[in-house]
């Protein structure tokens, strides 16, 4: 499992992010405070507080390709 912090400040960023993570087969969660949502769910992401960085948990150790693709969102 890998954990990184990301920032999704604009609605367009959320759409881009969801399109990227949906191409990968492994489970990915986003955590903001005590709320946890599926990173592949646009509605779930919009239920989080997007004004602060969000913790992304990737349930795979072989996810370097995903991390490279989302590096513009990583803080």
PDB file of N, CA and C in Angstrom:
ATOM      1  N   UNK A   1       0.842  -1.185   0.000  1.00  0.00           N
ATOM      2  CA  UNK A   1       0.000   0.000   0.000  1.00  0.00           C
ATOM      3  C   UNK A   1       0.882   1.241   0.000  1.00  0.00           C
ATOM      4  N   UNK A   2       0.512   2.227  -0.785  1.00  0.00           N
ATOM      5  CA  UNK A   2       1.232   3.502  -0.815  1.00  0.00           C
ATOM      6  C   UNK A   2       0.273   4.625  -0.467  1.00  0.00           C
ATOM      7  N   UNK A   3       0.806   5.653   0.183  1.00  0.00           N
ATOM      8  CA  UNK A   3      -0.004   6.804   0.571  1.00  0.00           C
ATOM      9  C   UNK A   3       0.679   8.076   0.106  1.00  0.00           C
ATOM     10  N   UNK A   4      -0.093   8.965  -0.543  1.00  0.00           N
ATOM     11  CA  UNK A   4       0.416  10.274  -0.966  1.00  0.00           C
ATOM     12  C   UNK A   4      -0.660  11.319  -0.698  1.00  0.00           C
ATOM     13  N   UNK A   5      -0.240  12.566  -0.563  1.00  0.00           N
ATOM     14  CA  UNK A   5      -1.186  13.665  -0.406  1.00  0.00           C
ATOM     15  C   UNK A   5      -1.385  14.338  -1.752  1.00  0.00           C
ATOM     16  N   UNK A   6      -2.644  14.627  -2.083  1.00  0.00           N
ATOM     17  CA  UNK A   6      -2.956  15.280  -3.351  1.00  0.00           C
ATOM     18  C   UNK A   6      -3.818  16.511  -3.103  1.00  0.00           C
ATOM     19  N   UNK A   7      -3.879  17.371  -4.103  1.00  0.00           N
ATOM     20  CA  UNK A   7      -4.707  18.579  -4.032  1.00  0.00           C
ATOM     21  C   UNK A   7      -5.564  18.624  -5.286  1.00  0.00           C
ATOM     22  N   UNK A   8      -6.888  18.684  -5.099  1.00  0.00           N
ATOM     23  CA  UNK A   8      -7.842  18.784  -6.204  1.00  0.00           C
ATOM     24  C   UNK A   8      -8.656  20.052  -5.981  1.00  0.00           C
ATOM     25  N   UNK A   9      -8.180  21.171  -6.514  1.00  0.00           N
ATOM     26  CA  UNK A   9      -8.825  22.442  -6.194  1.00  0.00           C
ATOM     27  C   UNK A   9      -9.945  22.834  -7.160  1.00  0.00           C
ATOM     28  N   UNK A  10      -9.910  22.377  -8.385  1.00  0.00           N
ATOM     29  CA  UNK A  10     -10.928  22.762  -9.372  1.00  0.00           C
ATOM     30  C   UNK A  10     -11.749  21.547  -9.805  1.00  0.00           C
ATOM     31  N   UNK A  11     -12.988  21.793 -10.222  1.00  0.00           N
ATOM     32  CA  UNK A  11     -13.849  20.706 -10.705  1.00  0.00           C
ATOM     33  C   UNK A  11     -13.201  19.997 -11.899  1.00  0.00           C
ATOM     34  N   UNK A  12     -12.535  20.755 -12.748  1.00  0.00           N
ATOM     35  CA  UNK A  12     -11.853  20.172 -13.905  1.00  0.00           C
ATOM     36  C   UNK A  12     -10.737  19.218 -13.458  1.00  0.00           C
ATOM     37  N   UNK A  13     -10.041  19.570 -12.365  1.00  0.00           N
ATOM     38  CA  UNK A  13      -8.991  18.696 -11.812  1.00  0.00           C
ATOM     39  C   UNK A  13      -9.588  17.376 -11.339  1.00  0.00           C
ATOM     40  N   UNK A  14     -10.752  17.441 -10.694  1.00  0.00           N
ATOM     41  CA  UNK A  14     -11.402  16.226 -10.196  1.00  0.00           C
ATOM     42  C   UNK A  14     -11.764  15.319 -11.368  1.00  0.00           C
ATOM     43  N   UNK A  15     -12.317  15.879 -12.419  1.00  0.00           N
ATOM     44  CA  UNK A  15     -12.695  15.096 -13.609  1.00  0.00           C
ATOM     45  C   UNK A  15     -11.464  14.427 -14.225  1.00  0.00           C
ATOM     46  N   UNK A  16     -10.391  15.181 -14.379  1.00  0.00           N
ATOM     47  CA  UNK A  16      -9.137  14.645 -14.929  1.00  0.00           C
ATOM     48  C   UNK A  16      -8.609  13.509 -14.051  1.00  0.00           C
ATOM     49  N   UNK A  17      -8.585  13.744 -12.738  1.00  0.00           N
ATOM     50  CA  UNK A  17      -8.072  12.773 -11.774  1.00  0.00           C
ATOM     51  C   UNK A  17      -8.870  11.463 -11.854  1.00  0.00           C
ATOM     52  N   UNK A  18     -10.201  11.555 -11.857  1.00  0.00           N
ATOM     53  CA  UNK A  18     -11.054  10.359 -11.899  1.00  0.00           C
ATOM     54  C   UNK A  18     -10.833   9.597 -13.210  1.00  0.00           C
ATOM     55  N   UNK A  19     -10.684  10.308 -14.326  1.00  0.00           N
ATOM     56  CA  UNK A  19     -10.422   9.639 -15.607  1.00  0.00           C
ATOM     57  C   UNK A  19      -9.113   8.855 -15.556  1.00  0.00           C
ATOM     58  N   UNK A  20      -8.105   9.397 -14.882  1.00  0.00           N
ATOM     59  CA  UNK A  20      -6.813   8.710 -14.773  1.00  0.00           C
ATOM     60  C   UNK A  20      -6.930   7.478 -13.883  1.00  0.00           C
ATOM     61  N   UNK A  21      -7.453   7.636 -12.650  1.00  0.00           N
ATOM     62  CA  UNK A  21      -7.466   6.503 -11.705  1.00  0.00           C
ATOM     63  C   UNK A  21      -8.391   5.376 -12.158  1.00  0.00           C
ATOM     64  N   UNK A  22      -9.405   5.672 -12.977  1.00  0.00           N
ATOM     65  CA  UNK A  22     -10.302   4.619 -13.457  1.00  0.00           C
ATOM     66  C   UNK A  22      -9.631   3.661 -14.433  1.00  0.00           C
ATOM     67  N   UNK A  23      -8.477   4.030 -14.955  1.00  0.00           N
ATOM     68  CA  UNK A  23      -7.753   3.140 -15.876  1.00  0.00           C
ATOM     69  C   UNK A  23      -6.940   2.083 -15.140  1.00  0.00           C
ATOM     70  N   UNK A  24      -6.855   2.169 -13.809  1.00  0.00           N
ATOM     71  CA  UNK A  24      -6.027   1.239 -13.041  1.00  0.00           C
ATOM     72  C   UNK A  24      -6.916   0.259 -12.277  1.00  0.00           C
ATOM     73  N   UNK A  25      -6.505  -1.017 -12.229  1.00  0.00           N
ATOM     74  CA  UNK A  25      -7.372  -2.056 -11.660  1.00  0.00           C
ATOM     75  C   UNK A  25      -7.418  -2.100 -10.126  1.00  0.00           C
ATOM     76  N   UNK A  26      -6.476  -1.482  -9.454  1.00  0.00           N
ATOM     77  CA  UNK A  26      -6.448  -1.640  -8.007  1.00  0.00           C
ATOM     78  C   UNK A  26      -7.333  -0.629  -7.274  1.00  0.00           C
ATOM     79  N   UNK A  27      -7.627  -0.969  -6.007  1.00  0.00           N
ATOM     80  CA  UNK A  27      -8.461  -0.120  -5.161  1.00  0.00           C
ATOM     81  C   UNK A  27      -7.684   1.142  -4.772  1.00  0.00           C
ATOM     82  N   UNK A  28      -8.373   2.280  -4.800  1.00  0.00           N
ATOM     83  CA  UNK A  28      -7.767   3.554  -4.413  1.00  0.00           C
ATOM     84  C   UNK A  28      -8.807   4.319  -3.593  1.00  0.00           C
ATOM     85  N   UNK A  29      -8.421   4.734  -2.390  1.00  0.00           N
ATOM     86  CA  UNK A  29      -9.307   5.511  -1.528  1.00  0.00           C
ATOM     87  C   UNK A  29      -8.751   6.903  -1.318  1.00  0.00           C
ATOM     88  N   UNK A  30      -9.651   7.848  -1.049  1.00  0.00           N
ATOM     89  CA  UNK A  30      -9.259   9.198  -0.657  1.00  0.00           C
ATOM     90  C   UNK A  30      -9.780   9.434   0.743  1.00  0.00           C
ATOM     91  N   UNK A  31      -8.924  10.004   1.602  1.00  0.00           N
ATOM     92  CA  UNK A  31      -9.270  10.230   2.994  1.00  0.00           C
ATOM     93  C   UNK A  31      -9.095  11.709   3.325  1.00  0.00           C
ATOM     94  N   UNK A  32     -10.144  12.292   3.896  1.00  0.00           N
ATOM     95  CA  UNK A  32     -10.095  13.680   4.350  1.00  0.00           C
ATOM     96  C   UNK A  32     -10.703  13.704   5.745  1.00  0.00           C
ATOM     97  N   UNK A  33      -9.855  13.864   6.753  1.00  0.00           N
ATOM     98  CA  UNK A  33     -10.339  13.774   8.121  1.00  0.00           C
ATOM     99  C   UNK A  33     -10.825  12.363   8.389  1.00  0.00           C
ATOM    100  N   UNK A  34     -12.085  12.237   8.817  1.00  0.00           N
ATOM    101  CA  UNK A  34     -12.622  10.898   9.092  1.00  0.00           C
ATOM    102  C   UNK A  34     -13.439  10.344   7.931  1.00  0.00           C
ATOM    103  N   UNK A  35     -13.520  11.085   6.834  1.00  0.00           N
ATOM    104  CA  UNK A  35     -14.283  10.649   5.661  1.00  0.00           C
ATOM    105  C   UNK A  35     -13.375   9.907   4.687  1.00  0.00           C
ATOM    106  N   UNK A  36     -13.846   8.765   4.206  1.00  0.00           N
ATOM    107  CA  UNK A  36     -13.111   7.967   3.219  1.00  0.00           C
ATOM    108  C   UNK A  36     -14.046   7.690   2.054  1.00  0.00           C
ATOM    109  N   UNK A  37     -13.567   7.965   0.826  1.00  0.00           N
ATOM    110  CA  UNK A  37     -14.375   7.697  -0.373  1.00  0.00           C
ATOM    111  C   UNK A  37     -13.531   6.966  -1.414  1.00  0.00           C
ATOM    112  N   UNK A  38     -14.214   6.319  -2.340  1.00  0.00           N
ATOM    113  CA  UNK A  38     -13.562   5.656  -3.466  1.00  0.00           C
ATOM    114  C   UNK A  38     -13.019   6.734  -4.404  1.00  0.00           C
ATOM    115  N   UNK A  39     -11.741   6.658  -4.746  1.00  0.00           N
ATOM    116  CA  UNK A  39     -11.113   7.672  -5.608  1.00  0.00           C
ATOM    117  C   UNK A  39     -11.661   7.624  -7.033  1.00  0.00           C
ATOM    118  N   UNK A  40     -12.385   6.573  -7.390  1.00  0.00           N
ATOM    119  CA  UNK A  40     -12.933   6.454  -8.740  1.00  0.00           C
ATOM    120  C   UNK A  40     -14.339   7.037  -8.847  1.00  0.00           C
ATOM    121  N   UNK A  41     -14.818   7.639  -7.757  1.00  0.00           N
ATOM    122  CA  UNK A  41     -16.177   8.186  -7.705  1.00  0.00           C
ATOM    123  C   UNK A  41     -16.148   9.716  -7.682  1.00  0.00           C
ATOM    124  N   UNK A  42     -16.641  10.335  -8.751  1.00  0.00           N
ATOM    125  CA  UNK A  42     -16.669  11.806  -8.810  1.00  0.00           C
ATOM    126  C   UNK A  42     -17.542  12.361  -7.686  1.00  0.00           C
ATOM    127  N   UNK A  43     -18.716  11.784  -7.481  1.00  0.00           N
ATOM    128  CA  UNK A  43     -19.604  12.281  -6.425  1.00  0.00           C
ATOM    129  C   UNK A  43     -18.971  12.122  -5.052  1.00  0.00           C
ATOM    130  N   UNK A  44     -18.282  11.015  -4.837  1.00  0.00           N
ATOM    131  CA  UNK A  44     -17.603  10.799  -3.558  1.00  0.00           C
ATOM    132  C   UNK A  44     -16.552  11.863  -3.304  1.00  0.00           C
ATOM    133  N   UNK A  45     -15.778  12.193  -4.328  1.00  0.00           N
ATOM    134  CA  UNK A  45     -14.724  13.202  -4.185  1.00  0.00           C
ATOM    135  C   UNK A  45     -15.328  14.568  -3.867  1.00  0.00           C
ATOM    136  N   UNK A  46     -16.436  14.912  -4.520  1.00  0.00           N
ATOM    137  CA  UNK A  46     -17.060  16.215  -4.262  1.00  0.00           C
ATOM    138  C   UNK A  46     -17.673  16.303  -2.865  1.00  0.00           C
ATOM    139  N   UNK A  47     -17.844  15.165  -2.181  1.00  0.00           N
ATOM    140  CA  UNK A  47     -18.359  15.203  -0.811  1.00  0.00           C
ATOM    141  C   UNK A  47     -17.255  15.525   0.193  1.00  0.00           C
ATOM    142  N   UNK A  48     -15.999  15.535  -0.260  1.00  0.00           N
ATOM    143  CA  UNK A  48     -14.868  15.844   0.621  1.00  0.00           C
ATOM    144  C   UNK A  48     -14.594  17.345   0.649  1.00  0.00           C
ATOM    145  N   UNK A  49     -13.850  17.781   1.655  1.00  0.00           N
ATOM    146  CA  UNK A  49     -13.410  19.175   1.741  1.00  0.00           C
ATOM    147  C   UNK A  49     -12.202  19.336   0.825  1.00  0.00           C
ATOM    148  N   UNK A  50     -12.415  19.927  -0.346  1.00  0.00           N
ATOM    149  CA  UNK A  50     -11.347  20.035  -1.344  1.00  0.00           C
ATOM    150  C   UNK A  50     -10.459  21.254  -1.135  1.00  0.00           C
ATOM    151  N   UNK A  51     -10.722  22.029  -0.084  1.00  0.00           N
ATOM    152  CA  UNK A  51      -9.885  23.205   0.171  1.00  0.00           C
ATOM    153  C   UNK A  51      -8.548  22.816   0.809  1.00  0.00           C
ATOM    154  N   UNK A  52      -8.469  21.579   1.319  1.00  0.00           N
ATOM    155  CA  UNK A  52      -7.242  21.095   1.954  1.00  0.00           C
ATOM    156  C   UNK A  52      -6.703  19.895   1.175  1.00  0.00           C
ATOM    157  N   UNK A  53      -5.411  19.597   1.350  1.00  0.00           N
ATOM    158  CA  UNK A  53      -4.876  18.382   0.706  1.00  0.00           C
ATOM    159  C   UNK A  53      -5.603  17.130   1.203  1.00  0.00           C
ATOM    160  N   UNK A  54      -5.719  16.147   0.337  1.00  0.00           N
ATOM    161  CA  UNK A  54      -6.426  14.897   0.620  1.00  0.00           C
ATOM    162  C   UNK A  54      -5.404  13.763   0.598  1.00  0.00           C
ATOM    163  N   UNK A  55      -5.567  12.803   1.496  1.00  0.00           N
ATOM    164  CA  UNK A  55      -4.679  11.640   1.535  1.00  0.00           C
ATOM    165  C   UNK A  55      -5.213  10.571   0.583  1.00  0.00           C
ATOM    166  N   UNK A  56      -4.352  10.138  -0.311  1.00  0.00           N
ATOM    167  CA  UNK A  56      -4.715   9.097  -1.282  1.00  0.00           C
ATOM    168  C   UNK A  56      -4.039   7.802  -0.879  1.00  0.00           C
ATOM    169  N   UNK A  57      -4.832   6.734  -0.723  1.00  0.00           N
ATOM    170  CA  UNK A  57      -4.300   5.426  -0.348  1.00  0.00           C
ATOM    171  C   UNK A  57      -4.476   4.467  -1.511  1.00  0.00           C
ATOM    172  N   UNK A  58      -3.346   3.969  -2.008  1.00  0.00           N
ATOM    173  CA  UNK A  58      -3.356   3.060  -3.157  1.00  0.00           C
ATOM    174  C   UNK A  58      -3.047   1.660  -2.632  1.00  0.00           C
ATOM    175  N   UNK A  59      -3.959   0.728  -2.850  1.00  0.00           N
ATOM    176  CA  UNK A  59      -3.806  -0.627  -2.322  1.00  0.00           C
ATOM    177  C   UNK A  59      -3.047  -1.523  -3.301  1.00  0.00           C
ATOM    178  N   UNK A  60      -1.849  -1.062  -3.639  1.00  0.00           N
ATOM    179  CA  UNK A  60      -0.954  -1.818  -4.510  1.00  0.00           C
ATOM    180  C   UNK A  60       0.449  -1.247  -4.312  1.00  0.00           C
ATOM    181  N   UNK A  61       1.448  -2.126  -4.350  1.00  0.00           N
ATOM    182  CA  UNK A  61       2.822  -1.637  -4.231  1.00  0.00           C
ATOM    183  C   UNK A  61       3.424  -1.339  -5.598  1.00  0.00           C
ATOM    184  N   UNK A  62       2.799  -1.844  -6.634  1.00  0.00           N
ATOM    185  CA  UNK A  62       3.296  -1.658  -7.999  1.00  0.00           C
ATOM    186  C   UNK A  62       2.451  -0.586  -8.696  1.00  0.00           C
ATOM    187  N   UNK A  63       2.586   0.668  -8.241  1.00  0.00           N
ATOM    188  CA  UNK A  63       1.729   1.724  -8.781  1.00  0.00           C
ATOM    189  C   UNK A  63       2.540   2.939  -9.230  1.00  0.00           C
ATOM    190  N   UNK A  64       3.786   2.718  -9.590  1.00  0.00           N
ATOM    191  CA  UNK A  64       4.633   3.839 -10.023  1.00  0.00           C
ATOM    192  C   UNK A  64       4.096   4.513 -11.281  1.00  0.00           C
ATOM    193  N   UNK A  65       3.482   3.731 -12.177  1.00  0.00           N
ATOM    194  CA  UNK A  65       2.911   4.316 -13.397  1.00  0.00           C
ATOM    195  C   UNK A  65       1.775   5.278 -13.054  1.00  0.00           C
ATOM    196  N   UNK A  66       0.935   4.910 -12.088  1.00  0.00           N
ATOM    197  CA  UNK A  66      -0.149   5.796 -11.650  1.00  0.00           C
ATOM    198  C   UNK A  66       0.413   7.063 -11.001  1.00  0.00           C
ATOM    199  N   UNK A  67       1.398   6.901 -10.128  1.00  0.00           N
ATOM    200  CA  UNK A  67       1.987   8.061  -9.450  1.00  0.00           C
ATOM    201  C   UNK A  67       2.605   9.032 -10.453  1.00  0.00           C
ATOM    202  N   UNK A  68       3.216   8.493 -11.495  1.00  0.00           N
ATOM    203  CA  UNK A  68       3.803   9.358 -12.518  1.00  0.00           C
ATOM    204  C   UNK A  68       2.715  10.137 -13.267  1.00  0.00           C
ATOM    205  N   UNK A  69       1.590   9.463 -13.518  1.00  0.00           N
ATOM    206  CA  UNK A  69       0.497  10.113 -14.251  1.00  0.00           C
ATOM    207  C   UNK A  69      -0.213  11.194 -13.452  1.00  0.00           C
ATOM    208  N   UNK A  70      -0.229  11.044 -12.122  1.00  0.00           N
ATOM    209  CA  UNK A  70      -0.941  12.035 -11.293  1.00  0.00           C
ATOM    210  C   UNK A  70       0.002  12.989 -10.579  1.00  0.00           C
ATOM    211  N   UNK A  71       1.268  13.044 -11.001  1.00  0.00           N
ATOM    212  CA  UNK A  71       2.237  13.868 -10.265  1.00  0.00           C
ATOM    213  C   UNK A  71       1.873  15.342 -10.203  1.00  0.00           C
ATOM    214  N   UNK A  72       1.060  15.840 -11.135  1.00  0.00           N
ATOM    215  CA  UNK A  72       0.655  17.241 -11.088  1.00  0.00           C
ATOM    216  C   UNK A  72      -0.310  17.517  -9.931  1.00  0.00           C
ATOM    217  N   UNK A  73      -0.951  16.465  -9.395  1.00  0.00           N
ATOM    218  CA  UNK A  73      -1.885  16.630  -8.268  1.00  0.00           C
ATOM    219  C   UNK A  73      -1.204  16.409  -6.913  1.00  0.00           C
ATOM    220  N   UNK A  74      -0.014  15.801  -6.909  1.00  0.00           N
ATOM    221  CA  UNK A  74       0.659  15.464  -5.647  1.00  0.00           C
ATOM    222  C   UNK A  74       1.267  16.723  -5.028  1.00  0.00           C
ATOM    223  N   UNK A  75       1.045  16.874  -3.705  1.00  0.00           N
ATOM    224  CA  UNK A  75       1.624  18.013  -2.985  1.00  0.00           C
ATOM    225  C   UNK A  75       2.746  17.561  -2.082  1.00  0.00           C
TER     226      UNK A  75
END
